[in-house]
C-alpha atoms as a PDB file:
ATOM      1  CA  MET A   1     154.980  42.460 130.978  1.00  0.00           C
ATOM      2  CA  SER A   2     151.631  42.652 132.728  1.00  0.00           C
ATOM      3  CA  TYR A   3     148.462  40.642 132.423  1.00  0.00           C
ATOM      4  CA  ASP A   4     144.948  41.973 132.722  1.00  0.00           C
ATOM      5  CA  ALA A   5     142.166  39.396 132.949  1.00  0.00           C
ATOM      6  CA  GLN A   6     139.384  40.087 130.447  1.00  0.00           C
ATOM      7  CA  ILE A   7     136.458  39.763 132.850  1.00  0.00           C
ATOM      8  CA  GLY A   8     134.029  41.533 130.511  1.00  0.00           C
ATOM      9  CA  ASP A   9     134.788  39.155 127.644  1.00  0.00           C
ATOM     10  CA  ILE A  10     134.362  36.100 129.856  1.00  0.00           C
ATOM     11  CA  HIS A  11     131.093  37.472 131.242  1.00  0.00           C
ATOM     12  CA  HIS A  12     129.842  38.109 127.697  1.00  0.00           C
ATOM     13  CA  ALA A  13     130.792  34.582 126.607  1.00  0.00           C
ATOM     14  CA  LEU A  14     129.042  32.990 129.573  1.00  0.00           C
ATOM     15  CA  TYR A  15     125.819  34.927 129.315  1.00  0.00           C
ATOM     16  CA  ASN A  16     125.407  35.704 125.619  1.00  0.00           C
ATOM     17  CA  VAL A  17     127.212  32.862 123.859  1.00  0.00           C
ATOM     18  CA  SER A  18     126.702  29.857 126.122  1.00  0.00           C
ATOM     19  CA  GLY A  19     123.240  30.889 127.353  1.00  0.00           C
ATOM     20  CA  LEU A  20     123.929  30.883 131.094  1.00  0.00           C
ATOM     21  CA  ASN A  21     121.319  33.581 131.555  1.00  0.00           C
ATOM     22  CA  ASP A  22     118.586  31.292 130.198  1.00  0.00           C
ATOM     23  CA  LEU A  23     119.682  28.445 132.457  1.00  0.00           C
ATOM     24  CA  VAL A  24     119.579  30.669 135.522  1.00  0.00           C
ATOM     25  CA  ASP A  25     116.160  32.049 134.521  1.00  0.00           C
ATOM     26  CA  GLN A  26     114.799  28.495 134.115  1.00  0.00           C
ATOM     27  CA  GLY A  27     115.847  27.693 137.677  1.00  0.00           C
ATOM     28  CA  LEU A  28     118.254  24.904 136.768  1.00  0.00           C
ATOM     29  CA  PHE A  29     120.809  26.400 139.172  1.00  0.00           C
ATOM     30  CA  PRO A  30     118.770  27.802 142.057  1.00  0.00           C
ATOM     31  CA  ASP A  31     121.779  28.998 144.053  1.00  0.00           C
ATOM     32  CA  LEU A  32     123.426  30.739 141.099  1.00  0.00           C
ATOM     33  CA  SER A  33     122.839  34.434 140.478  1.00  0.00           C
ATOM     34  CA  ALA A  34     124.378  37.123 138.282  1.00  0.00           C
ATOM     35  CA  ASP A  35     125.990  38.682 141.361  1.00  0.00           C
ATOM     36  CA  LEU A  36     127.621  35.390 142.337  1.00  0.00           C
ATOM     37  CA  VAL A  37     128.955  34.816 138.814  1.00  0.00           C
ATOM     38  CA  GLY A  38     130.326  38.364 138.759  1.00  0.00           C
ATOM     39  CA  ALA A  39     132.045  37.895 142.118  1.00  0.00           C
ATOM     40  CA  ILE A  40     133.585  34.589 141.025  1.00  0.00           C
ATOM     41  CA  LEU A  41     134.862  36.130 137.790  1.00  0.00           C
ATOM     42  CA  GLU A  42     136.355  39.107 139.637  1.00  0.00           C
ATOM     43  CA  GLU A  43     138.194  36.882 142.114  1.00  0.00           C
ATOM     44  CA  ALA A  44     139.405  34.535 139.370  1.00  0.00           C
ATOM     45  CA  GLY A  45     140.689  37.530 137.419  1.00  0.00           C
ATOM     46  CA  ARG A  46     142.445  38.908 140.484  1.00  0.00           C
ATOM     47  CA  PHE A  47     144.013  35.500 141.164  1.00  0.00           C
ATOM     48  CA  ALA A  48     145.216  35.189 137.569  1.00  0.00           C
ATOM     49  CA  THR A  49     146.634  38.718 137.574  1.00  0.00           C
ATOM     50  CA  ASP A  50     148.229  38.735 141.036  1.00  0.00           C
ATOM     51  CA  ILE A  51     149.309  35.110 141.546  1.00  0.00           C
ATOM     52  CA  ILE A  52     149.607  33.236 138.254  1.00  0.00           C
ATOM     53  CA  ALA A  53     150.885  35.970 135.908  1.00  0.00           C
ATOM     54  CA  PRO A  54     154.023  36.788 137.964  1.00  0.00           C
ATOM     55  CA  LEU A  55     155.071  33.127 137.770  1.00  0.00           C
ATOM     56  CA  ASN A  56     155.714  33.601 134.049  1.00  0.00           C
ATOM     57  CA  LYS A  57     158.354  36.316 134.638  1.00  0.00           C
ATOM     58  CA  ILE A  58     161.340  33.957 134.402  1.00  0.00           C
ATOM     59  CA  GLY A  59     160.007  32.330 131.240  1.00  0.00           C
ATOM     60  CA  ASP A  60     159.338  35.747 129.720  1.00  0.00           C
ATOM     61  CA  GLU A  61     162.869  36.929 130.504  1.00  0.00           C
ATOM     62  CA  GLN A  62     164.837  33.799 129.575  1.00  0.00           C
ATOM     63  CA  GLY A  63     162.671  32.186 126.918  1.00  0.00           C
ATOM     64  CA  ALA A  64     162.584  28.484 126.132  1.00  0.00           C
ATOM     65  CA  ARG A  65     165.762  26.411 125.928  1.00  0.00           C
ATOM     66  CA  LEU A  66     166.215  22.927 124.592  1.00  0.00           C
END
Protein backbone atom coordinates (compact mmCIF):
# COMPACT_ATOMS: atom_id res chain seq x y z
CA MET A 1 0.00 0.00 0.00
CA SER A 2 1.39 3.38 -0.97
CA TYR A 3 0.47 6.90 -0.01
CA ASP A 4 0.57 9.92 -2.26
CA ALA A 5 0.15 13.31 -0.59
CA GLN A 6 -2.52 15.41 -2.30
CA ILE A 7 -0.51 18.62 -2.59
CA GLY A 8 -2.84 20.12 -5.22
CA ASP A 9 -5.90 19.64 -3.02
CA ILE A 10 -4.19 21.20 -0.01
CA HIS A 11 -2.99 24.13 -2.13
CA HIS A 12 -6.52 24.64 -3.45
CA ALA A 13 -7.98 24.55 0.07
CA LEU A 14 -5.46 27.07 1.38
CA TYR A 15 -5.80 29.57 -1.42
CA ASN A 16 -9.38 29.22 -2.65
CA VAL A 17 -11.30 28.03 0.40
CA SER A 18 -9.54 29.66 3.34
CA GLY A 19 -8.56 32.85 1.48
CA LEU A 20 -4.80 32.72 2.06
CA ASN A 21 -4.26 34.53 -1.21
CA ASP A 22 -6.20 37.57 0.04
CA LEU A 23 -4.25 37.63 3.29
CA VAL A 24 -0.94 37.55 1.46
CA ASP A 25 -2.10 40.28 -0.95
CA GLN A 26 -3.13 42.49 2.00
CA GLY A 27 0.38 42.22 3.43
CA LEU A 28 -0.64 40.56 6.69
CA PHE A 29 2.21 38.06 6.24
CA PRO A 30 5.02 40.03 4.61
CA ASP A 31 7.47 37.12 4.54
CA LEU A 32 4.98 34.66 3.06
CA SER A 33 4.81 34.12 -0.69
CA ALA A 34 3.18 31.61 -3.02
CA ASP A 35 6.60 30.08 -3.73
CA LEU A 36 7.28 29.57 -0.03
CA VAL A 37 3.88 27.96 0.55
CA GLY A 38 4.46 25.68 -2.44
CA ALA A 39 7.88 24.65 -1.16
CA ILE A 40 6.52 23.93 2.32
CA LEU A 41 3.68 21.84 0.90
CA GLU A 42 6.07 19.86 -1.32
CA GLU A 43 8.40 19.07 1.58
CA ALA A 44 5.51 18.18 3.89
CA GLY A 45 4.13 15.86 1.21
CA ARG A 46 7.53 14.24 0.72
CA PHE A 47 7.90 13.78 4.48
CA ALA A 48 4.45 12.21 4.77
CA THR A 49 5.09 9.90 1.82
CA ASP A 50 8.67 8.87 2.61
CA ILE A 51 8.79 8.90 6.42
CA ILE A 52 5.33 8.67 7.96
CA ALA A 53 3.53 6.37 5.49
CA PRO A 54 6.00 3.45 5.83
CA LEU A 55 5.42 3.43 9.60
CA ASN A 56 1.89 2.16 8.96
CA LYS A 57 3.13 -1.01 7.19
CA ILE A 58 2.89 -3.24 10.28
CA GLY A 59 -0.59 -1.97 11.12
CA ASP A 60 -1.69 -2.49 7.52
CA GLU A 61 -0.38 -6.06 7.50
CA GLN A 62 -1.51 -7.21 10.95
CA GLY A 63 -4.58 -5.08 11.60
CA ALA A 64 -5.87 -4.10 15.02
CA ARG A 65 -6.01 -6.58 17.89
CA LEU A 66 -7.75 -6.25 21.20
